[in-house]
PDB file of N, CA and C in Angstrom:
ATOM      1  N   MET A   1    -130.746 -37.095 155.364  1.00  0.00           N
ATOM      2  CA  MET A   1    -129.887 -36.713 154.265  1.00  0.00           C
ATOM      3  C   MET A   1    -130.494 -35.542 153.501  1.00  0.00           C
ATOM      4  N   TRP A   2    -131.767 -35.538 153.356  1.00  0.00           N
ATOM      5  CA  TRP A   2    -132.393 -34.444 152.603  1.00  0.00           C
ATOM      6  C   TRP A   2    -132.348 -33.132 153.371  1.00  0.00           C
ATOM      7  N   LEU A   3    -132.318 -33.188 154.708  1.00  0.00           N
ATOM      8  CA  LEU A   3    -132.251 -31.975 155.515  1.00  0.00           C
ATOM      9  C   LEU A   3    -130.885 -31.294 155.385  1.00  0.00           C
ATOM     10  N   SER A   4    -129.823 -32.073 155.353  1.00  0.00           N
ATOM     11  CA  SER A   4    -128.489 -31.482 155.224  1.00  0.00           C
ATOM     12  C   SER A   4    -128.289 -30.855 153.845  1.00  0.00           C
ATOM     13  N   ALA A   5    -128.980 -31.340 152.856  1.00  0.00           N
ATOM     14  CA  ALA A   5    -128.879 -30.751 151.522  1.00  0.00           C
ATOM     15  C   ALA A   5    -129.646 -29.442 151.447  1.00  0.00           C
ATOM     16  N   ALA A   6    -130.682 -29.265 152.271  1.00  0.00           N
ATOM     17  CA  ALA A   6    -131.502 -28.055 152.234  1.00  0.00           C
ATOM     18  C   ALA A   6    -130.926 -26.929 153.076  1.00  0.00           C
ATOM     19  N   ILE A   7    -130.048 -27.218 154.020  1.00  0.00           N
ATOM     20  CA  ILE A   7    -129.515 -26.188 154.919  1.00  0.00           C
ATOM     21  C   ILE A   7    -128.742 -25.099 154.168  1.00  0.00           C
ATOM     22  N   PRO A   8    -127.869 -25.406 153.208  1.00  0.00           N
ATOM     23  CA  PRO A   8    -127.183 -24.320 152.509  1.00  0.00           C
ATOM     24  C   PRO A   8    -128.137 -23.411 151.743  1.00  0.00           C
ATOM     25  N   LEU A   9    -129.293 -23.920 151.353  1.00  0.00           N
ATOM     26  CA  LEU A   9    -130.248 -23.094 150.626  1.00  0.00           C
ATOM     27  C   LEU A   9    -130.958 -22.106 151.547  1.00  0.00           C
ATOM     28  N   LEU A  10    -131.051 -22.419 152.834  1.00  0.00           N
ATOM     29  CA  LEU A  10    -131.759 -21.555 153.768  1.00  0.00           C
ATOM     30  C   LEU A  10    -130.936 -20.343 154.177  1.00  0.00           C
ATOM     31  N   TYR A  11    -129.643 -20.462 154.155  1.00  0.00           N
ATOM     32  CA  TYR A  11    -128.768 -19.396 154.632  1.00  0.00           C
ATOM     33  C   TYR A  11    -127.944 -18.827 153.479  1.00  0.00           C
ATOM     34  N   ASP A  12    -127.685 -17.531 153.544  1.00  0.00           N
ATOM     35  CA  ASP A  12    -126.796 -16.913 152.556  1.00  0.00           C
ATOM     36  C   ASP A  12    -125.372 -17.354 152.823  1.00  0.00           C
ATOM     37  N   ALA A  13    -124.526 -17.130 151.844  1.00  0.00           N
ATOM     38  CA  ALA A  13    -123.132 -17.550 151.966  1.00  0.00           C
ATOM     39  C   ALA A  13    -122.393 -16.754 153.036  1.00  0.00           C
ATOM     40  N   SER A  14    -122.665 -15.467 153.141  1.00  0.00           N
ATOM     41  CA  SER A  14    -121.964 -14.675 154.147  1.00  0.00           C
ATOM     42  C   SER A  14    -122.858 -14.498 155.368  1.00  0.00           C
ATOM     43  N   PRO A  15    -122.302 -14.628 156.568  1.00  0.00           N
ATOM     44  CA  PRO A  15    -123.118 -14.530 157.779  1.00  0.00           C
ATOM     45  C   PRO A  15    -123.600 -13.110 158.061  1.00  0.00           C
ATOM     46  N   MET A  16    -122.978 -12.094 157.486  1.00  0.00           N
ATOM     47  CA  MET A  16    -123.366 -10.717 157.759  1.00  0.00           C
ATOM     48  C   MET A  16    -124.273 -10.129 156.680  1.00  0.00           C
ATOM     49  N   SER A  17    -124.752 -10.932 155.741  1.00  0.00           N
ATOM     50  CA  SER A  17    -125.531 -10.381 154.644  1.00  0.00           C
ATOM     51  C   SER A  17    -126.837  -9.747 155.123  1.00  0.00           C
ATOM     52  N   TRP A  18    -127.495 -10.303 156.143  1.00  0.00           N
ATOM     53  CA  TRP A  18    -128.744  -9.714 156.639  1.00  0.00           C
ATOM     54  C   TRP A  18    -128.475  -8.372 157.304  1.00  0.00           C
ATOM     55  N   PHE A  19    -127.303  -8.263 157.952  1.00  0.00           N
ATOM     56  CA  PHE A  19    -126.950  -7.014 158.611  1.00  0.00           C
ATOM     57  C   PHE A  19    -126.579  -5.940 157.578  1.00  0.00           C
ATOM     58  N   GLU A  20    -125.898  -6.351 156.516  1.00  0.00           N
ATOM     59  CA  GLU A  20    -125.529  -5.408 155.462  1.00  0.00           C
ATOM     60  C   GLU A  20    -126.760  -4.867 154.756  1.00  0.00           C
ATOM     61  N   LYS A  21    -127.786  -5.689 154.628  1.00  0.00           N
ATOM     62  CA  LYS A  21    -129.026  -5.217 154.014  1.00  0.00           C
ATOM     63  C   LYS A  21    -129.740  -4.229 154.927  1.00  0.00           C
ATOM     64  N   LEU A  22    -129.668  -4.484 156.224  1.00  0.00           N
ATOM     65  CA  LEU A  22    -130.328  -3.628 157.196  1.00  0.00           C
ATOM     66  C   LEU A  22    -129.593  -2.307 157.362  1.00  0.00           C
ATOM     67  N   MET A  23    -128.285  -2.348 157.485  1.00  0.00           N
ATOM     68  CA  MET A  23    -127.454  -1.157 157.684  1.00  0.00           C
ATOM     69  C   MET A  23    -126.446  -1.060 156.536  1.00  0.00           C
ATOM     70  N   PRO A  24    -126.745  -0.305 155.509  1.00  0.00           N
ATOM     71  CA  PRO A  24    -125.794  -0.204 154.399  1.00  0.00           C
ATOM     72  C   PRO A  24    -124.512   0.491 154.836  1.00  0.00           C
ATOM     73  N   SER A  25    -123.481   0.229 154.127  1.00  0.00           N
ATOM     74  CA  SER A  25    -122.166   0.773 154.459  1.00  0.00           C
ATOM     75  C   SER A  25    -122.168   2.290 154.348  1.00  0.00           C
ATOM     76  N   ARG A  26    -121.529   2.942 155.303  1.00  0.00           N
ATOM     77  CA  ARG A  26    -121.441   4.399 155.283  1.00  0.00           C
ATOM     78  C   ARG A  26    -120.220   4.881 154.515  1.00  0.00           C
ATOM     79  N   ILE A  27    -119.297   4.006 154.335  1.00  0.00           N
ATOM     80  CA  ILE A  27    -118.084   4.372 153.615  1.00  0.00           C
ATOM     81  C   ILE A  27    -118.370   4.227 152.125  1.00  0.00           C
ATOM     82  N   LYS A  28    -118.251   5.325 151.440  1.00  0.00           N
ATOM     83  CA  LYS A  28    -118.489   5.296 150.001  1.00  0.00           C
ATOM     84  C   LYS A  28    -117.185   5.646 149.296  1.00  0.00           C
ATOM     85  N   THR A  29    -116.805   4.774 148.433  1.00  0.00           N
ATOM     86  CA  THR A  29    -115.604   5.040 147.651  1.00  0.00           C
ATOM     87  C   THR A  29    -116.033   5.657 146.335  1.00  0.00           C
ATOM     88  N   GLU A  30    -115.402   6.739 146.018  1.00  0.00           N
ATOM     89  CA  GLU A  30    -115.732   7.430 144.784  1.00  0.00           C
ATOM     90  C   GLU A  30    -114.461   7.588 143.973  1.00  0.00           C
ATOM     91  N   ARG A  31    -114.506   7.067 142.808  1.00  0.00           N
ATOM     92  CA  ARG A  31    -113.356   7.184 141.918  1.00  0.00           C
ATOM     93  C   ARG A  31    -113.751   8.062 140.743  1.00  0.00           C
ATOM     94  N   ARG A  32    -112.943   9.045 140.527  1.00  0.00           N
ATOM     95  CA  ARG A  32    -113.166   9.876 139.354  1.00  0.00           C
ATOM     96  C   ARG A  32    -112.375   9.277 138.208  1.00  0.00           C
ATOM     97  N   THR A  33    -113.067   8.976 137.151  1.00  0.00           N
ATOM     98  CA  THR A  33    -112.380   8.439 135.995  1.00  0.00           C
ATOM     99  C   THR A  33    -111.921   9.597 135.127  1.00  0.00           C
ATOM    100  N   ARG A  34    -110.678   9.583 134.830  1.00  0.00           N
ATOM    101  CA  ARG A  34    -110.123  10.615 133.973  1.00  0.00           C
ATOM    102  C   ARG A  34    -110.233  10.158 132.529  1.00  0.00           C
ATOM    103  N   SER A  35    -110.757  11.024 131.733  1.00  0.00           N
ATOM    104  CA  SER A  35    -110.905  10.666 130.333  1.00  0.00           C
ATOM    105  C   SER A  35    -109.792  11.314 129.519  1.00  0.00           C
ATOM    106  N   VAL A  36    -109.164  10.507 128.714  1.00  0.00           N
ATOM    107  CA  VAL A  36    -108.120  10.981 127.819  1.00  0.00           C
ATOM    108  C   VAL A  36    -108.709  10.959 126.417  1.00  0.00           C
ATOM    109  N   PRO A  37    -108.705  12.085 125.727  1.00  0.00           N
ATOM    110  CA  PRO A  37    -109.260  12.101 124.375  1.00  0.00           C
ATOM    111  C   PRO A  37    -108.518  11.135 123.456  1.00  0.00           C
ATOM    112  N   GLU A  38    -109.268  10.544 122.552  1.00  0.00           N
ATOM    113  CA  GLU A  38    -108.692   9.590 121.610  1.00  0.00           C
ATOM    114  C   GLU A  38    -107.806  10.318 120.604  1.00  0.00           C
ATOM    115  N   GLY A  39    -106.758   9.667 120.176  1.00  0.00           N
ATOM    116  CA  GLY A  39    -105.905  10.193 119.128  1.00  0.00           C
ATOM    117  C   GLY A  39    -104.770  11.075 119.599  1.00  0.00           C
ATOM    118  N   ILE A  40    -104.612  11.286 120.883  1.00  0.00           N
ATOM    119  CA  ILE A  40    -103.520  12.130 121.375  1.00  0.00           C
ATOM    120  C   ILE A  40    -102.215  11.344 121.437  1.00  0.00           C
ATOM    121  N   TRP A  41    -102.300  10.076 121.740  1.00  0.00           N
ATOM    122  CA  TRP A  41    -101.108   9.247 121.893  1.00  0.00           C
ATOM    123  C   TRP A  41    -101.041   8.207 120.787  1.00  0.00           C
ATOM    124  N   LEU A  42     -99.842   7.927 120.326  1.00  0.00           N
ATOM    125  CA  LEU A  42     -99.582   6.877 119.348  1.00  0.00           C
ATOM    126  C   LEU A  42     -98.617   5.872 119.957  1.00  0.00           C
ATOM    127  N   LYS A  43     -98.668   4.660 119.451  1.00  0.00           N
ATOM    128  CA  LYS A  43     -97.736   3.632 119.898  1.00  0.00           C
ATOM    129  C   LYS A  43     -96.871   3.228 118.712  1.00  0.00           C
ATOM    130  N   CYS A  44     -95.580   3.258 118.910  1.00  0.00           N
ATOM    131  CA  CYS A  44     -94.647   2.872 117.853  1.00  0.00           C
ATOM    132  C   CYS A  44     -94.739   1.363 117.639  1.00  0.00           C
ATOM    133  N   ASN A  45     -94.862   0.957 116.375  1.00  0.00           N
ATOM    134  CA  ASN A  45     -94.959  -0.469 116.063  1.00  0.00           C
ATOM    135  C   ASN A  45     -93.623  -1.185 116.241  1.00  0.00           C
ATOM    136  N   GLN A  46     -92.531  -0.460 116.148  1.00  0.00           N
ATOM    137  CA  GLN A  46     -91.199  -1.064 116.245  1.00  0.00           C
ATOM    138  C   GLN A  46     -90.755  -1.255 117.696  1.00  0.00           C
ATOM    139  N   CYS A  47     -90.723  -0.158 118.460  1.00  0.00           N
ATOM    140  CA  CYS A  47     -90.181  -0.241 119.827  1.00  0.00           C
ATOM    141  C   CYS A  47     -91.264  -0.279 120.900  1.00  0.00           C
ATOM    142  N   GLY A  48     -92.515   0.029 120.550  1.00  0.00           N
ATOM    143  CA  GLY A  48     -93.614  -0.026 121.506  1.00  0.00           C
ATOM    144  C   GLY A  48     -93.720   1.187 122.409  1.00  0.00           C
ATOM    145  N   ALA A  49     -92.989   2.251 122.127  1.00  0.00           N
ATOM    146  CA  ALA A  49     -93.017   3.452 122.969  1.00  0.00           C
ATOM    147  C   ALA A  49     -94.322   4.218 122.766  1.00  0.00           C
ATOM    148  N   GLN A  50     -94.835   4.804 123.846  1.00  0.00           N
ATOM    149  CA  GLN A  50     -96.014   5.668 123.776  1.00  0.00           C
ATOM    150  C   GLN A  50     -95.530   7.070 123.418  1.00  0.00           C
ATOM    151  N   LEU A  51     -96.051   7.616 122.327  1.00  0.00           N
ATOM    152  CA  LEU A  51     -95.559   8.885 121.805  1.00  0.00           C
ATOM    153  C   LEU A  51     -96.690   9.887 121.701  1.00  0.00           C
ATOM    154  N   TYR A  52     -96.363  11.131 121.978  1.00  0.00           N
ATOM    155  CA  TYR A  52     -97.316  12.224 121.853  1.00  0.00           C
ATOM    156  C   TYR A  52     -97.495  12.522 120.366  1.00  0.00           C
ATOM    157  N   ARG A  53     -98.739  12.537 119.904  1.00  0.00           N
ATOM    158  CA  ARG A  53     -99.018  12.652 118.475  1.00  0.00           C
ATOM    159  C   ARG A  53     -98.432  13.932 117.864  1.00  0.00           C
ATOM    160  N   ALA A  54     -98.534  15.062 118.563  1.00  0.00           N
ATOM    161  CA  ALA A  54     -98.011  16.321 118.028  1.00  0.00           C
ATOM    162  C   ALA A  54     -96.498  16.245 117.822  1.00  0.00           C
ATOM    163  N   GLU A  55     -95.805  15.557 118.718  1.00  0.00           N
ATOM    164  CA  GLU A  55     -94.359  15.407 118.580  1.00  0.00           C
ATOM    165  C   GLU A  55     -94.015  14.549 117.369  1.00  0.00           C
ATOM    166  N   VAL A  56     -94.793  13.499 117.143  1.00  0.00           N
ATOM    167  CA  VAL A  56     -94.553  12.618 116.000  1.00  0.00           C
ATOM    168  C   VAL A  56     -94.833  13.365 114.697  1.00  0.00           C
ATOM    169  N   GLU A  57     -95.883  14.190 114.679  1.00  0.00           N
ATOM    170  CA  GLU A  57     -96.186  14.966 113.476  1.00  0.00           C
ATOM    171  C   GLU A  57     -95.079  15.977 113.180  1.00  0.00           C
ATOM    172  N   ARG A  58     -94.533  16.624 114.221  1.00  0.00           N
ATOM    173  CA  ARG A  58     -93.414  17.554 114.021  1.00  0.00           C
ATOM    174  C   ARG A  58     -92.187  16.828 113.476  1.00  0.00           C
ATOM    175  N   ASN A  59     -92.067  15.557 113.836  1.00  0.00           N
ATOM    176  CA  ASN A  59     -90.929  14.744 113.407  1.00  0.00           C
ATOM    177  C   ASN A  59     -91.227  14.007 112.098  1.00  0.00           C
ATOM    178  N   LEU A  60     -92.297  14.423 111.383  1.00  0.00           N
ATOM    179  CA  LEU A  60     -92.711  13.845 110.098  1.00  0.00           C
ATOM    180  C   LEU A  60     -92.982  12.344 110.195  1.00  0.00           C
ATOM    181  N   PHE A  61     -93.680  11.950 111.243  1.00  0.00           N
ATOM    182  CA  PHE A  61     -94.118  10.574 111.489  1.00  0.00           C
ATOM    183  C   PHE A  61     -92.954   9.593 111.568  1.00  0.00           C
ATOM    184  N   VAL A  62     -91.882  10.035 112.203  1.00  0.00           N
ATOM    185  CA  VAL A  62     -90.735   9.177 112.496  1.00  0.00           C
ATOM    186  C   VAL A  62     -90.619   9.101 114.011  1.00  0.00           C
ATOM    187  N   CYS A  63     -90.505   7.890 114.543  1.00  0.00           N
ATOM    188  CA  CYS A  63     -90.413   7.699 115.985  1.00  0.00           C
ATOM    189  C   CYS A  63     -89.125   8.331 116.510  1.00  0.00           C
ATOM    190  N   PRO A  64     -89.219   9.219 117.500  1.00  0.00           N
ATOM    191  CA  PRO A  64     -88.007   9.841 118.038  1.00  0.00           C
ATOM    192  C   PRO A  64     -87.153   8.883 118.869  1.00  0.00           C
ATOM    193  N   LYS A  65     -87.713   7.764 119.291  1.00  0.00           N
ATOM    194  CA  LYS A  65     -86.969   6.805 120.121  1.00  0.00           C
ATOM    195  C   LYS A  65     -86.124   5.840 119.287  1.00  0.00           C
ATOM    196  N   CYS A  66     -86.733   5.303 118.193  1.00  0.00           N
ATOM    197  CA  CYS A  66     -86.030   4.265 117.432  1.00  0.00           C
ATOM    198  C   CYS A  66     -85.879   4.595 115.945  1.00  0.00           C
ATOM    199  N   ALA A  67     -86.356   5.762 115.505  1.00  0.00           N
ATOM    200  CA  ALA A  67     -86.260   6.221 114.112  1.00  0.00           C
ATOM    201  C   ALA A  67     -87.056   5.347 113.142  1.00  0.00           C
ATOM    202  N   HIS A  68     -88.108   4.713 113.628  1.00  0.00           N
ATOM    203  CA  HIS A  68     -88.989   3.921 112.765  1.00  0.00           C
ATOM    204  C   HIS A  68     -89.911   4.863 112.003  1.00  0.00           C
ATOM    205  N   HIS A  69     -90.033   4.667 110.678  1.00  0.00           N
ATOM    206  CA  HIS A  69     -90.914   5.479 109.853  1.00  0.00           C
ATOM    207  C   HIS A  69     -92.309   4.858 109.876  1.00  0.00           C
ATOM    208  N   MET A  70     -93.270   5.613 110.375  1.00  0.00           N
ATOM    209  CA  MET A  70     -94.639   5.112 110.506  1.00  0.00           C
ATOM    210  C   MET A  70     -95.389   5.262 109.190  1.00  0.00           C
ATOM    211  N   ARG A  71     -96.411   4.439 109.020  1.00  0.00           N
ATOM    212  CA  ARG A  71     -97.234   4.509 107.818  1.00  0.00           C
ATOM    213  C   ARG A  71     -98.121   5.739 107.876  1.00  0.00           C
ATOM    214  N   ILE A  72     -98.233   6.420 106.748  1.00  0.00           N
ATOM    215  CA  ILE A  72     -99.125   7.568 106.640  1.00  0.00           C
ATOM    216  C   ILE A  72     -99.854   7.474 105.311  1.00  0.00           C
ATOM    217  N   SER A  73    -100.948   8.204 105.203  1.00  0.00           N
ATOM    218  CA  SER A  73    -101.729   8.175 103.968  1.00  0.00           C
ATOM    219  C   SER A  73    -101.071   9.058 102.910  1.00  0.00           C
ATOM    220  N   ALA A  74    -101.528   8.908 101.674  1.00  0.00           N
ATOM    221  CA  ALA A  74    -100.980   9.706 100.577  1.00  0.00           C
ATOM    222  C   ALA A  74    -101.283  11.185 100.778  1.00  0.00           C
ATOM    223  N   ARG A  75    -102.453  11.504 101.273  1.00  0.00           N
ATOM    224  CA  ARG A  75    -102.814  12.907 101.499  1.00  0.00           C
ATOM    225  C   ARG A  75    -101.931  13.534 102.579  1.00  0.00           C
ATOM    226  N   GLU A  76    -101.619  12.774 103.633  1.00  0.00           N
ATOM    227  CA  GLU A  76    -100.721  13.290 104.672  1.00  0.00           C
ATOM    228  C   GLU A  76     -99.316  13.512 104.116  1.00  0.00           C
ATOM    229  N   ARG A  77     -98.868  12.611 103.262  1.00  0.00           N
ATOM    230  CA  ARG A  77     -97.545  12.747 102.650  1.00  0.00           C
ATOM    231  C   ARG A  77     -97.495  13.994 101.768  1.00  0.00           C
ATOM    232  N   LEU A  78     -98.547  14.225 100.973  1.00  0.00           N
ATOM    233  CA  LEU A  78     -98.588  15.419 100.125  1.00  0.00           C
ATOM    234  C   LEU A  78     -98.641  16.692 100.960  1.00  0.00           C
ATOM    235  N   ALA A  79     -99.369  16.659 102.060  1.00  0.00           N
ATOM    236  CA  ALA A  79     -99.471  17.839 102.921  1.00  0.00           C
ATOM    237  C   ALA A  79     -98.129  18.188 103.551  1.00  0.00           C
ATOM    238  N   MET A  80     -97.226  17.206 103.668  1.00  0.00           N
ATOM    239  CA  MET A  80     -95.916  17.473 104.253  1.00  0.00           C
ATOM    240  C   MET A  80     -95.045  18.349 103.362  1.00  0.00           C
ATOM    241  N   PHE A  81     -95.094  18.114 102.049  1.00  0.00           N
ATOM    242  CA  PHE A  81     -94.178  18.872 101.200  1.00  0.00           C
ATOM    243  C   PHE A  81     -94.860  19.894 100.297  1.00  0.00           C
ATOM    244  N   LEU A  82     -96.184  20.000 100.329  1.00  0.00           N
ATOM    245  CA  LEU A  82     -96.879  21.053  99.598  1.00  0.00           C
ATOM    246  C   LEU A  82     -97.308  22.141 100.569  1.00  0.00           C
ATOM    247  N   ASP A  83     -97.298  23.370 100.088  1.00  0.00           N
ATOM    248  CA  ASP A  83     -97.821  24.468 100.895  1.00  0.00           C
ATOM    249  C   ASP A  83     -99.335  24.354 100.949  1.00  0.00           C
ATOM    250  N   SER A  84     -99.923  24.720 102.067  1.00  0.00           N
ATOM    251  CA  SER A  84    -101.379  24.612 102.192  1.00  0.00           C
ATOM    252  C   SER A  84    -102.052  25.632 101.275  1.00  0.00           C
ATOM    253  N   GLY A  85    -102.998  25.158 100.485  1.00  0.00           N
ATOM    254  CA  GLY A  85    -103.747  26.027  99.585  1.00  0.00           C
ATOM    255  C   GLY A  85    -103.047  26.313  98.275  1.00  0.00           C
ATOM    256  N   SER A  86    -101.821  25.844  98.074  1.00  0.00           N
ATOM    257  CA  SER A  86    -101.104  26.159  96.838  1.00  0.00           C
ATOM    258  C   SER A  86    -101.417  25.171  95.719  1.00  0.00           C
ATOM    259  N   GLY A  87    -101.809  23.980  96.055  1.00  0.00           N
ATOM    260  CA  GLY A  87    -102.061  22.970  95.040  1.00  0.00           C
ATOM    261  C   GLY A  87    -103.531  22.865  94.682  1.00  0.00           C
ATOM    262  N   ARG A  88    -103.777  22.304  93.500  1.00  0.00           N
ATOM    263  CA  ARG A  88    -105.144  22.069  93.054  1.00  0.00           C
ATOM    264  C   ARG A  88    -105.234  20.605  92.654  1.00  0.00           C
ATOM    265  N   GLU A  89    -106.215  19.918  93.196  1.00  0.00           N
ATOM    266  CA  GLU A  89    -106.363  18.495  92.927  1.00  0.00           C
ATOM    267  C   GLU A  89    -107.024  18.296  91.577  1.00  0.00           C
ATOM    268  N   ILE A  90    -106.427  17.456  90.756  1.00  0.00           N
ATOM    269  CA  ILE A  90    -106.969  17.155  89.434  1.00  0.00           C
ATOM    270  C   ILE A  90    -107.764  15.862  89.548  1.00  0.00           C
ATOM    271  N   GLY A  91    -108.969  15.863  89.030  1.00  0.00           N
ATOM    272  CA  GLY A  91    -109.801  14.662  89.037  1.00  0.00           C
ATOM    273  C   GLY A  91    -110.377  14.335  90.395  1.00  0.00           C
ATOM    274  N   GLU A  92    -110.692  15.345  91.178  1.00  0.00           N
ATOM    275  CA  GLU A  92    -111.212  15.098  92.526  1.00  0.00           C
ATOM    276  C   GLU A  92    -112.618  14.507  92.511  1.00  0.00           C
ATOM    277  N   ARG A  93    -113.332  14.677  91.385  1.00  0.00           N
ATOM    278  CA  ARG A  93    -114.692  14.129  91.318  1.00  0.00           C
ATOM    279  C   ARG A  93    -114.712  12.723  90.727  1.00  0.00           C
ATOM    280  N   LEU A  94    -113.583  12.206  90.325  1.00  0.00           N
ATOM    281  CA  LEU A  94    -113.538  10.864  89.746  1.00  0.00           C
ATOM    282  C   LEU A  94    -113.784   9.816  90.822  1.00  0.00           C
ATOM    283  N   GLU A  95    -114.503   8.778  90.431  1.00  0.00           N
ATOM    284  CA  GLU A  95    -114.798   7.668  91.340  1.00  0.00           C
ATOM    285  C   GLU A  95    -114.450   6.365  90.650  1.00  0.00           C
ATOM    286  N   PRO A  96    -114.103   5.341  91.397  1.00  0.00           N
ATOM    287  CA  PRO A  96    -113.827   4.044  90.775  1.00  0.00           C
ATOM    288  C   PRO A  96    -115.107   3.420  90.224  1.00  0.00           C
ATOM    289  N   ILE A  97    -114.935   2.626  89.196  1.00  0.00           N
ATOM    290  CA  ILE A  97    -116.096   1.974  88.559  1.00  0.00           C
ATOM    291  C   ILE A  97    -116.438   0.704  89.287  1.00  0.00           C
TER     292      ILE A  97
END
């Protein structure tokens, strides 16, 4: 009984493992991973469509597929209707207590 329990320990699981160690595979698969920069694509929270960020910005952060208005920051909202460089921020050095 003890011999039958030791037999699986003596041999590898695959019968060709000793041959694979001796002769490594000549076929090499090479995959080039394409990197997509972060922030180029947005996902609409309403319809789930993948949207090109520049297109959404041209559309004032409204989804062209379902007309969902996306959340934007206050500074982005001000930049939409103010000319660049025309405004002056009041209290820019103020900090919360």
